[in-house]
C-alpha atoms as a PDB file:
ATOM      1  CA  MET A   1     165.363  69.416  43.749  1.00  0.00           C
ATOM      2  CA  GLN A   2     165.125  70.785  40.247  1.00  0.00           C
ATOM      3  CA  PRO A   3     166.943  73.982  39.317  1.00  0.00           C
ATOM      4  CA  SER A   4     163.685  75.866  38.737  1.00  0.00           C
ATOM      5  CA  THR A   5     162.417  74.856  42.158  1.00  0.00           C
ATOM      6  CA  SER A   6     165.649  75.934  43.820  1.00  0.00           C
ATOM      7  CA  ARG A   7     165.493  79.189  41.970  1.00  0.00           C
ATOM      8  CA  ARG A   8     161.898  79.773  43.069  1.00  0.00           C
ATOM      9  CA  THR A   9     162.764  78.906  46.714  1.00  0.00           C
ATOM     10  CA  ALA A  10     165.712  81.256  46.709  1.00  0.00           C
ATOM     11  CA  GLY A  11     163.563  84.045  45.281  1.00  0.00           C
ATOM     12  CA  ILE A  12     160.922  83.439  47.944  1.00  0.00           C
ATOM     13  CA  LEU A  13     163.508  83.563  50.728  1.00  0.00           C
ATOM     14  CA  ILE A  14     165.005  86.800  49.361  1.00  0.00           C
ATOM     15  CA  LEU A  15     161.572  88.347  49.084  1.00  0.00           C
ATOM     16  CA  LEU A  16     160.683  87.211  52.607  1.00  0.00           C
ATOM     17  CA  LEU A  17     163.776  88.911  53.988  1.00  0.00           C
ATOM     18  CA  ALA A  18     163.111  92.090  52.004  1.00  0.00           C
ATOM     19  CA  LEU A  19     159.457  92.235  53.025  1.00  0.00           C
ATOM     20  CA  GLY A  20     160.329  91.511  56.660  1.00  0.00           C
ATOM     21  CA  ALA A  21     162.816  94.375  56.722  1.00  0.00           C
ATOM     22  CA  ALA A  22     160.218  96.692  55.076  1.00  0.00           C
ATOM     23  CA  ALA A  23     157.559  95.714  57.577  1.00  0.00           C
ATOM     24  CA  CYS A  24     159.826  96.136  60.653  1.00  0.00           C
ATOM     25  CA  GLY A  25     161.471  99.361  59.374  1.00  0.00           C
ATOM     26  CA  ALA A  26     160.113 102.714  58.425  1.00  0.00           C
ATOM     27  CA  ALA A  27     160.297 102.244  54.655  1.00  0.00           C
ATOM     28  CA  THR A  28     157.076 102.847  52.772  1.00  0.00           C
ATOM     29  CA  GLY A  29     157.927 101.176  49.493  1.00  0.00           C
ATOM     30  CA  ALA A  30     159.243  97.815  48.291  1.00  0.00           C
ATOM     31  CA  SER A  31     163.002  97.309  48.087  1.00  0.00           C
ATOM     32  CA  PRO A  32     164.822  96.519  44.831  1.00  0.00           C
ATOM     33  CA  ALA A  33     165.587  93.067  46.200  1.00  0.00           C
ATOM     34  CA  ALA A  34     161.887  92.371  46.539  1.00  0.00           C
ATOM     35  CA  GLN A  35     161.211  93.466  43.001  1.00  0.00           C
ATOM     36  CA  ASN A  36     164.086  91.319  41.658  1.00  0.00           C
ATOM     37  CA  ALA A  37     162.753  88.332  43.620  1.00  0.00           C
ATOM     38  CA  GLY A  38     159.306  88.944  42.150  1.00  0.00           C
ATOM     39  CA  GLU A  39     160.801  88.944  38.661  1.00  0.00           C
ATOM     40  CA  GLU A  40     162.500  85.611  39.389  1.00  0.00           C
ATOM     41  CA  LEU A  41     159.193  84.149  40.541  1.00  0.00           C
ATOM     42  CA  GLY A  42     156.919  85.374  37.819  1.00  0.00           C
ATOM     43  CA  GLY A  43     158.948  87.282  35.334  1.00  0.00           C
ATOM     44  CA  GLN A  44     157.292  90.638  36.262  1.00  0.00           C
ATOM     45  CA  PRO A  45     157.338  92.755  39.430  1.00  0.00           C
ATOM     46  CA  GLN A  46     154.376  92.282  41.703  1.00  0.00           C
ATOM     47  CA  ALA A  47     151.638  94.895  41.336  1.00  0.00           C
ATOM     48  CA  GLY A  48     151.681  95.570  45.075  1.00  0.00           C
ATOM     49  CA  ALA A  49     155.433  96.139  45.023  1.00  0.00           C
ATOM     50  CA  SER A  50     155.089  98.690  42.218  1.00  0.00           C
ATOM     51  CA  ALA A  51     152.284 100.488  44.058  1.00  0.00           C
ATOM     52  CA  ALA A  52     154.277 100.438  47.286  1.00  0.00           C
ATOM     53  CA  ALA A  53     157.343 101.731  45.485  1.00  0.00           C
ATOM     54  CA  SER A  54     155.391 104.561  43.942  1.00  0.00           C
ATOM     55  CA  ALA A  55     153.966 105.476  47.302  1.00  0.00           C
ATOM     56  CA  GLY A  56     157.411 105.366  48.795  1.00  0.00           C
ATOM     57  CA  LYS A  57     158.730 107.785  46.183  1.00  0.00           C
ATOM     58  CA  GLY A  58     155.889 110.201  46.899  1.00  0.00           C
ATOM     59  CA  ASP A  59     156.292 110.093  50.659  1.00  0.00           C
ATOM     60  CA  SER A  60     160.070 109.795  51.006  1.00  0.00           C
ATOM     61  CA  GLY A  61     160.556 113.524  51.529  1.00  0.00           C
ATOM     62  CA  THR A  62     157.722 113.991  53.991  1.00  0.00           C
ATOM     63  CA  SER A  63     157.893 112.798  57.571  1.00  0.00           C
ATOM     64  CA  ALA A  64     154.881 112.007  59.746  1.00  0.00           C
ATOM     65  CA  GLN A  65     155.396 115.278  61.669  1.00  0.00           C
ATOM     66  CA  ALA A  66     155.616 117.384  58.530  1.00  0.00           C
ATOM     67  CA  TYR A  67     152.550 115.723  57.012  1.00  0.00           C
ATOM     68  CA  ALA A  68     150.658 116.194  60.257  1.00  0.00           C
ATOM     69  CA  ALA A  69     150.934 119.962  59.738  1.00  0.00           C
ATOM     70  CA  LEU A  70     149.008 119.644  56.477  1.00  0.00           C
ATOM     71  CA  VAL A  71     146.022 117.743  57.872  1.00  0.00           C
ATOM     72  CA  ASP A  72     143.371 118.638  60.446  1.00  0.00           C
ATOM     73  CA  ARG A  73     144.685 118.718  63.971  1.00  0.00           C
ATOM     74  CA  GLN A  74     143.607 115.799  66.117  1.00  0.00           C
ATOM     75  CA  ILE A  75     143.515 116.923  69.758  1.00  0.00           C
ATOM     76  CA  ILE A  76     142.372 114.890  72.780  1.00  0.00           C
ATOM     77  CA  LYS A  77     140.550 117.112  75.245  1.00  0.00           C
ATOM     78  CA  THR A  78     139.822 116.109  78.827  1.00  0.00           C
ATOM     79  CA  GLY A  79     138.513 118.075  81.784  1.00  0.00           C
ATOM     80  CA  GLU A  80     137.179 117.873  85.296  1.00  0.00           C
ATOM     81  CA  VAL A  81     134.560 120.225  86.816  1.00  0.00           C
ATOM     82  CA  THR A  82     133.121 120.233  90.313  1.00  0.00           C
ATOM     83  CA  VAL A  83     129.843 122.043  90.876  1.00  0.00           C
ATOM     84  CA  GLU A  84     128.100 122.715  94.180  1.00  0.00           C
ATOM     85  CA  VAL A  85     124.325 122.351  93.783  1.00  0.00           C
ATOM     86  CA  ASP A  86     121.307 122.474  96.072  1.00  0.00           C
ATOM     87  CA  ASN A  87     119.689 119.281  94.686  1.00  0.00           C
ATOM     88  CA  VAL A  88     122.045 116.636  93.392  1.00  0.00           C
ATOM     89  CA  ALA A  89     119.327 114.392  91.919  1.00  0.00           C
ATOM     90  CA  ALA A  90     117.759 117.162  89.896  1.00  0.00           C
ATOM     91  CA  SER A  91     121.132 118.479  88.713  1.00  0.00           C
ATOM     92  CA  LEU A  92     122.111 114.937  87.737  1.00  0.00           C
ATOM     93  CA  GLY A  93     119.200 114.774  85.310  1.00  0.00           C
ATOM     94  CA  ARG A  94     120.065 118.198  83.877  1.00  0.00           C
ATOM     95  CA  VAL A  95     123.670 117.090  83.198  1.00  0.00           C
ATOM     96  CA  ARG A  96     122.472 113.901  81.432  1.00  0.00           C
ATOM     97  CA  ALA A  97     120.146 115.949  79.274  1.00  0.00           C
ATOM     98  CA  LEU A  98     123.011 118.364  78.511  1.00  0.00           C
ATOM     99  CA  ALA A  99     125.185 115.519  77.219  1.00  0.00           C
ATOM    100  CA  ASN A 100     122.444 114.309  74.892  1.00  0.00           C
ATOM    101  CA  GLU A 101     121.723 117.822  73.728  1.00  0.00           C
ATOM    102  CA  LEU A 102     125.343 118.413  72.708  1.00  0.00           C
ATOM    103  CA  GLY A 103     125.450 115.159  70.716  1.00  0.00           C
ATOM    104  CA  GLY A 104     127.310 113.123  73.290  1.00  0.00           C
ATOM    105  CA  TYR A 105     126.456 110.530  75.952  1.00  0.00           C
ATOM    106  CA  VAL A 106     127.180 109.616  79.547  1.00  0.00           C
ATOM    107  CA  GLY A 107     130.010 107.049  79.596  1.00  0.00           C
ATOM    108  CA  GLY A 108     129.659 106.306  83.288  1.00  0.00           C
ATOM    109  CA  SER A 109     128.134 107.707  86.430  1.00  0.00           C
ATOM    110  CA  GLN A 110     128.037 107.299  90.200  1.00  0.00           C
ATOM    111  CA  ALA A 111     124.635 108.460  91.391  1.00  0.00           C
ATOM    112  CA  GLY A 112     124.119 110.244  94.711  1.00  0.00           C
ATOM    113  CA  THR A 113     121.326 111.479  96.920  1.00  0.00           C
ATOM    114  CA  LEU A 114     120.616 114.847  98.462  1.00  0.00           C
ATOM    115  CA  GLU A 115     123.344 114.227 101.029  1.00  0.00           C
ATOM    116  CA  ASP A 116     125.905 112.495  98.745  1.00  0.00           C
ATOM    117  CA  SER A 117     127.967 113.647  95.741  1.00  0.00           C
ATOM    118  CA  ALA A 118     127.458 112.292  92.235  1.00  0.00           C
ATOM    119  CA  SER A 119     129.975 111.881  89.440  1.00  0.00           C
ATOM    120  CA  LEU A 120     129.448 111.571  85.705  1.00  0.00           C
ATOM    121  CA  THR A 121     131.836 110.921  82.822  1.00  0.00           C
ATOM    122  CA  LEU A 122     130.551 112.709  79.718  1.00  0.00           C
ATOM    123  CA  ARG A 123     131.745 111.956  76.177  1.00  0.00           C
ATOM    124  CA  ILE A 124     131.203 115.130  74.192  1.00  0.00           C
ATOM    125  CA  PRO A 125     132.107 115.909  70.556  1.00  0.00           C
ATOM    126  CA  ALA A 126     135.417 117.760  70.491  1.00  0.00           C
ATOM    127  CA  ASP A 127     133.897 120.802  68.795  1.00  0.00           C
ATOM    128  CA  ARG A 128     131.273 121.132  71.554  1.00  0.00           C
ATOM    129  CA  PHE A 129     133.685 120.788  74.518  1.00  0.00           C
ATOM    130  CA  GLU A 130     133.791 124.530  75.222  1.00  0.00           C
ATOM    131  CA  ASP A 131     129.992 124.692  74.964  1.00  0.00           C
ATOM    132  CA  ALA A 132     129.725 122.001  77.614  1.00  0.00           C
ATOM    133  CA  LEU A 133     131.915 123.896  80.049  1.00  0.00           C
ATOM    134  CA  THR A 134     129.856 127.091  79.459  1.00  0.00           C
ATOM    135  CA  ARG A 135     126.611 125.218  80.095  1.00  0.00           C
ATOM    136  CA  LEU A 136     127.934 123.733  83.305  1.00  0.00           C
ATOM    137  CA  HIS A 137     128.650 127.225  84.605  1.00  0.00           C
ATOM    138  CA  GLU A 138     124.988 128.032  83.888  1.00  0.00           C
ATOM    139  CA  LEU A 139     123.737 124.943  85.676  1.00  0.00           C
ATOM    140  CA  GLY A 140     122.549 126.962  88.641  1.00  0.00           C
ATOM    141  CA  GLY A 141     125.222 125.932  91.120  1.00  0.00           C
ATOM    142  CA  LYS A 142     128.620 127.184  92.216  1.00  0.00           C
ATOM    143  CA  VAL A 143     131.613 125.927  90.252  1.00  0.00           C
ATOM    144  CA  LEU A 144     134.171 124.952  92.868  1.00  0.00           C
ATOM    145  CA  SER A 145     136.971 123.791  90.533  1.00  0.00           C
ATOM    146  CA  GLU A 146     137.640 123.376  86.856  1.00  0.00           C
ATOM    147  CA  SER A 147     140.632 121.922  84.993  1.00  0.00           C
ATOM    148  CA  THR A 148     141.185 121.049  81.291  1.00  0.00           C
ATOM    149  CA  ARG A 149     143.977 119.401  79.335  1.00  0.00           C
ATOM    150  CA  GLU A 150     144.699 119.120  75.631  1.00  0.00           C
ATOM    151  CA  GLU A 151     147.029 116.663  73.881  1.00  0.00           C
ATOM    152  CA  ASP A 152     147.845 116.912  70.166  1.00  0.00           C
ATOM    153  CA  VAL A 153     148.009 113.407  68.681  1.00  0.00           C
ATOM    154  CA  THR A 154     147.972 114.367  64.984  1.00  0.00           C
ATOM    155  CA  SER A 155     151.492 113.088  64.327  1.00  0.00           C
ATOM    156  CA  GLN A 156     150.757 109.797  66.133  1.00  0.00           C
ATOM    157  CA  ILE A 157     147.624 109.195  64.013  1.00  0.00           C
ATOM    158  CA  VAL A 158     149.476 110.000  60.815  1.00  0.00           C
ATOM    159  CA  ASP A 159     152.366 107.720  61.740  1.00  0.00           C
ATOM    160  CA  LEU A 160     150.052 104.853  62.654  1.00  0.00           C
ATOM    161  CA  ASP A 161     148.136 105.278  59.369  1.00  0.00           C
ATOM    162  CA  ALA A 162     151.372 105.192  57.362  1.00  0.00           C
ATOM    163  CA  ARG A 163     152.613 102.050  59.171  1.00  0.00           C
ATOM    164  CA  ILE A 164     149.299 100.323  58.575  1.00  0.00           C
ATOM    165  CA  LYS A 165     149.442 101.074  54.858  1.00  0.00           C
ATOM    166  CA  ASN A 166     153.015  99.832  54.673  1.00  0.00           C
ATOM    167  CA  LEU A 167     152.078  96.586  56.413  1.00  0.00           C
ATOM    168  CA  GLN A 168     149.054  96.159  54.142  1.00  0.00           C
ATOM    169  CA  ALA A 169     151.351  96.443  51.123  1.00  0.00           C
ATOM    170  CA  SER A 170     153.575  93.728  52.620  1.00  0.00           C
ATOM    171  CA  GLU A 171     150.476  91.637  53.301  1.00  0.00           C
ATOM    172  CA  ARG A 172     149.507  91.769  49.604  1.00  0.00           C
ATOM    173  CA  GLN A 173     152.985  90.655  48.682  1.00  0.00           C
ATOM    174  CA  TYR A 174     152.881  87.690  51.047  1.00  0.00           C
ATOM    175  CA  ARG A 175     149.497  86.619  49.714  1.00  0.00           C
ATOM    176  CA  ALA A 176     150.873  86.710  46.189  1.00  0.00           C
ATOM    177  CA  LEU A 177     153.812  84.617  47.333  1.00  0.00           C
ATOM    178  CA  VAL A 178     151.488  82.033  48.898  1.00  0.00           C
ATOM    179  CA  GLU A 179     149.728  81.648  45.597  1.00  0.00           C
ATOM    180  CA  ARG A 180     153.005  81.215  43.672  1.00  0.00           C
ATOM    181  CA  ALA A 181     154.807  78.937  46.167  1.00  0.00           C
ATOM    182  CA  ALA A 182     154.921  75.268  45.313  1.00  0.00           C
ATOM    183  CA  ALA A 183     156.922  73.665  48.129  1.00  0.00           C
ATOM    184  CA  VAL A 184     155.240  73.055  51.453  1.00  0.00           C
ATOM    185  CA  ASP A 185     158.169  74.632  53.365  1.00  0.00           C
ATOM    186  CA  ASP A 186     157.839  77.801  51.308  1.00  0.00           C
ATOM    187  CA  ILE A 187     154.134  78.009  51.896  1.00  0.00           C
ATOM    188  CA  LEU A 188     154.563  77.597  55.644  1.00  0.00           C
ATOM    189  CA  ALA A 189     157.340  80.215  55.803  1.00  0.00           C
ATOM    190  CA  VAL A 190     155.300  82.756  53.890  1.00  0.00           C
ATOM    191  CA  GLN A 191     152.163  81.983  55.838  1.00  0.00           C
ATOM    192  CA  THR A 192     154.031  82.551  59.127  1.00  0.00           C
ATOM    193  CA  ARG A 193     155.175  85.958  57.988  1.00  0.00           C
ATOM    194  CA  LEU A 194     151.691  86.701  56.686  1.00  0.00           C
ATOM    195  CA  ASP A 195     150.128  85.882  60.051  1.00  0.00           C
ATOM    196  CA  ALA A 196     152.684  88.084  61.854  1.00  0.00           C
ATOM    197  CA  VAL A 197     151.996  91.020  59.556  1.00  0.00           C
ATOM    198  CA  ARG A 198     148.217  90.549  59.951  1.00  0.00           C
ATOM    199  CA  GLY A 199     148.659  90.643  63.733  1.00  0.00           C
ATOM    200  CA  GLU A 200     150.651  93.838  63.539  1.00  0.00           C
ATOM    201  CA  ILE A 201     148.014  95.426  61.318  1.00  0.00           C
ATOM    202  CA  GLU A 202     145.263  94.541  63.751  1.00  0.00           C
ATOM    203  CA  GLN A 203     147.278  95.874  66.689  1.00  0.00           C
ATOM    204  CA  LEU A 204     148.074  99.199  65.021  1.00  0.00           C
ATOM    205  CA  SER A 205     144.507  99.523  63.703  1.00  0.00           C
ATOM    206  CA  ALA A 206     143.193  99.188  67.289  1.00  0.00           C
ATOM    207  CA  GLN A 207     145.621 101.903  68.451  1.00  0.00           C
ATOM    208  CA  LEU A 208     144.573 104.140  65.583  1.00  0.00           C
ATOM    209  CA  GLU A 209     140.884 103.599  66.327  1.00  0.00           C
ATOM    210  CA  GLN A 210     141.426 104.344  70.003  1.00  0.00           C
ATOM    211  CA  LEU A 211     143.331 107.607  69.288  1.00  0.00           C
ATOM    212  CA  SER A 212     140.796 108.722  66.734  1.00  0.00           C
ATOM    213  CA  GLY A 213     137.922 107.971  69.103  1.00  0.00           C
ATOM    214  CA  GLN A 214     139.520 109.961  71.904  1.00  0.00           C
ATOM    215  CA  ALA A 215     140.171 112.883  69.582  1.00  0.00           C
ATOM    216  CA  GLY A 216     136.659 112.806  68.205  1.00  0.00           C
ATOM    217  CA  LEU A 217     134.916 112.595  71.549  1.00  0.00           C
ATOM    218  CA  SER A 218     136.276 114.619  74.485  1.00  0.00           C
ATOM    219  CA  THR A 219     136.063 113.289  78.055  1.00  0.00           C
ATOM    220  CA  LEU A 220     134.526 115.568  80.691  1.00  0.00           C
ATOM    221  CA  THR A 221     134.166 114.409  84.291  1.00  0.00           C
ATOM    222  CA  VAL A 222     131.487 116.281  86.240  1.00  0.00           C
ATOM    223  CA  THR A 223     131.180 116.026  90.019  1.00  0.00           C
ATOM    224  CA  LEU A 224     128.045 117.351  91.689  1.00  0.00           C
ATOM    225  CA  SER A 225     128.501 118.222  95.374  1.00  0.00           C
ATOM    226  CA  PRO A 226     125.542 119.110  97.646  1.00  0.00           C
ATOM    227  CA  SER A 227     125.484 122.550  99.156  1.00  0.00           C
ATOM    228  CA  PRO A 228     126.187 122.505 102.934  1.00  0.00           C
ATOM    229  CA  THR A 229     123.325 123.359 105.358  1.00  0.00           C
ATOM    230  CA  PRO A 230     123.569 126.598 107.459  1.00  0.00           C
ATOM    231  CA  VAL A 231     124.771 124.598 110.471  1.00  0.00           C
ATOM    232  CA  GLU A 232     127.397 122.814 108.409  1.00  0.00           C
ATOM    233  CA  ARG A 233     128.437 126.074 106.788  1.00  0.00           C
ATOM    234  CA  ALA A 234     128.770 127.739 110.223  1.00  0.00           C
ATOM    235  CA  THR A 235     130.739 124.756 111.452  1.00  0.00           C
ATOM    236  CA  GLU A 236     132.979 124.834 108.426  1.00  0.00           C
ATOM    237  CA  ASP A 237     133.594 128.558 108.870  1.00  0.00           C
ATOM    238  CA  TRP A 238     134.479 128.195 112.536  1.00  0.00           C
ATOM    239  CA  ASP A 239     138.146 127.468 113.179  1.00  0.00           C
ATOM    240  CA  PRO A 240     139.125 127.342 116.882  1.00  0.00           C
ATOM    241  CA  GLY A 241     142.804 127.227 116.011  1.00  0.00           C
ATOM    242  CA  ALA A 242     142.513 130.346 113.909  1.00  0.00           C
ATOM    243  CA  THR A 243     140.509 132.087 116.674  1.00  0.00           C
ATOM    244  CA  PHE A 244     143.203 131.194 119.254  1.00  0.00           C
ATOM    245  CA  GLU A 245     145.888 132.513 116.963  1.00  0.00           C
ATOM    246  CA  ASN A 246     143.981 135.766 116.340  1.00  0.00           C
ATOM    247  CA  ALA A 247     143.450 136.279 120.075  1.00  0.00           C
ATOM    248  CA  THR A 248     147.102 135.590 120.808  1.00  0.00           C
ATOM    249  CA  ALA A 249     148.090 138.021 118.092  1.00  0.00           C
ATOM    250  CA  ALA A 250     145.758 140.681 119.555  1.00  0.00           C
ATOM    251  CA  LEU A 251     147.248 140.166 123.055  1.00  0.00           C
ATOM    252  CA  VAL A 252     150.760 140.459 121.710  1.00  0.00           C
ATOM    253  CA  GLY A 253     149.697 143.625 119.859  1.00  0.00           C
ATOM    254  CA  ILE A 254     148.285 145.170 123.060  1.00  0.00           C
ATOM    255  CA  GLY A 255     151.472 144.303 124.919  1.00  0.00           C
ATOM    256  CA  GLN A 256     153.559 145.870 122.243  1.00  0.00           C
ATOM    257  CA  SER A 257     151.422 149.031 122.366  1.00  0.00           C
ATOM    258  CA  LEU A 258     151.868 149.260 126.153  1.00  0.00           C
ATOM    259  CA  ALA A 259     155.574 148.722 125.803  1.00  0.00           C
ATOM    260  CA  ASP A 260     155.712 151.487 123.200  1.00  0.00           C
ATOM    261  CA  ILE A 261     153.836 153.865 125.556  1.00  0.00           C
ATOM    262  CA  LEU A 262     156.269 153.134 128.423  1.00  0.00           C
ATOM    263  CA  ILE A 263     159.229 153.732 126.168  1.00  0.00           C
ATOM    264  CA  TRP A 264     157.846 157.053 125.051  1.00  0.00           C
ATOM    265  CA  LEU A 265     157.191 158.022 128.642  1.00  0.00           C
ATOM    266  CA  GLY A 266     160.665 157.035 129.712  1.00  0.00           C
ATOM    267  CA  ILE A 267     162.405 158.863 126.888  1.00  0.00           C
ATOM    268  CA  VAL A 268     160.096 161.875 126.274  1.00  0.00           C
ATOM    269  CA  GLY A 269     157.484 162.071 128.992  1.00  0.00           C
ATOM    270  CA  ILE A 270     159.629 162.059 132.169  1.00  0.00           C
ATOM    271  CA  PRO A 271     162.121 164.750 130.936  1.00  0.00           C
ATOM    272  CA  LEU A 272     159.198 166.834 129.869  1.00  0.00           C
ATOM    273  CA  LEU A 273     157.492 166.501 133.250  1.00  0.00           C
ATOM    274  CA  ILE A 274     160.721 167.473 135.001  1.00  0.00           C
ATOM    275  CA  VAL A 275     160.996 170.619 132.824  1.00  0.00           C
ATOM    276  CA  LEU A 276     157.349 171.502 133.518  1.00  0.00           C
ATOM    277  CA  ALA A 277     157.841 170.945 137.305  1.00  0.00           C
ATOM    278  CA  ILE A 278     160.885 173.197 137.361  1.00  0.00           C
ATOM    279  CA  ALA A 279     159.038 175.901 135.450  1.00  0.00           C
ATOM    280  CA  THR A 280     156.087 175.630 137.815  1.00  0.00           C
ATOM    281  CA  VAL A 281     158.337 176.058 140.863  1.00  0.00           C
ATOM    282  CA  VAL A 282     160.087 179.056 139.343  1.00  0.00           C
ATOM    283  CA  VAL A 283     156.844 180.691 138.438  1.00  0.00           C
ATOM    284  CA  ALA A 284     155.428 180.028 141.938  1.00  0.00           C
ATOM    285  CA  ARG A 285     158.444 181.705 143.611  1.00  0.00           C
ATOM    286  CA  VAL A 286     158.870 184.673 141.270  1.00  0.00           C
ATOM    287  CA  LEU A 287     155.187 185.660 140.993  1.00  0.00           C
ATOM    288  CA  PRO A 288     154.656 186.686 144.662  1.00  0.00           C
ATOM    289  CA  ILE A 289     157.863 188.733 144.658  1.00  0.00           C
ATOM    290  CA  ALA A 290     156.812 190.477 141.548  1.00  0.00           C
ATOM    291  CA  ARG A 291     153.467 191.309 142.958  1.00  0.00           C
ATOM    292  CA  ARG A 292     154.997 192.904 146.116  1.00  0.00           C
ATOM    293  CA  ARG A 293     157.152 195.157 144.030  1.00  0.00           C
ATOM    294  CA  LEU A 294     154.291 196.525 142.052  1.00  0.00           C
ATOM    295  CA  PRO A 295     153.097 200.043 143.266  1.00  0.00           C
ATOM    296  CA  VAL A 296     149.917 200.023 145.265  1.00  0.00           C
ATOM    297  CA  PRO A 297     147.275 202.292 143.818  1.00  0.00           C
ATOM    298  CA  PRO A 298     145.945 205.090 146.139  1.00  0.00           C
ATOM    299  CA  ALA A 299     142.694 204.344 147.801  1.00  0.00           C
ATOM    300  CA  GLU A 300     139.738 206.421 146.744  1.00  0.00           C
END
């Protein structure tokens, strides 16, 4: 192998190792080894390496979390609402129309009849999520339950975007190496790394698209439950166990009241009766004697 070929191969291997470390790590710019390898191959640093290095200098002092505070917040909103309605079929149509009116759509539904419940999954723009909840309260039924959740994914989106840009810079470097490589082994080695980087870019891009889609369109699950008939409502309200417990409690209360009365009679009533009886006896004996001692008025 000629010295120039050996030198080119060594440069390619060094640059492969440098780019592989940059793609797998968190660095955002090209390493000095990569630039030196590029100089060995073509005499000048690669344009992509310079651009990546410049980007790395500009972003080195800013983490994904710090940068996330400077951009618009990306929040995934989800919620579940259960509404009791008189006519499930009619309310189902009104909920579908509500989704279209707010700029969203129905992602899935499970239709019901007058006797069965129905469930719909609405995808609503994030800025109209609160409006959707308000409109559901005005649907004409009774809201039985409501729950909402919010998840801030701003830092995740920023991190994914930065990693994708880093991999894209590495991809440009690999493509430049493929064009400069002469030996078949070098071409195959660079192509293998290029395919791996391309796969990572596609995987991260799919994750970024999914998170962005979830943040842009909120998910709201609406369950429409038919109102119970008067007989069903009366049956639901009747609880034999609770009635038995209430009756038992009333009986125990009456027994306690009677026991309280007996206790009062034993402690207060009986002594009081004894005192009254003694007083009555004394009065009955003393009153006749007192009457006899009184002077009898002369007869006219």
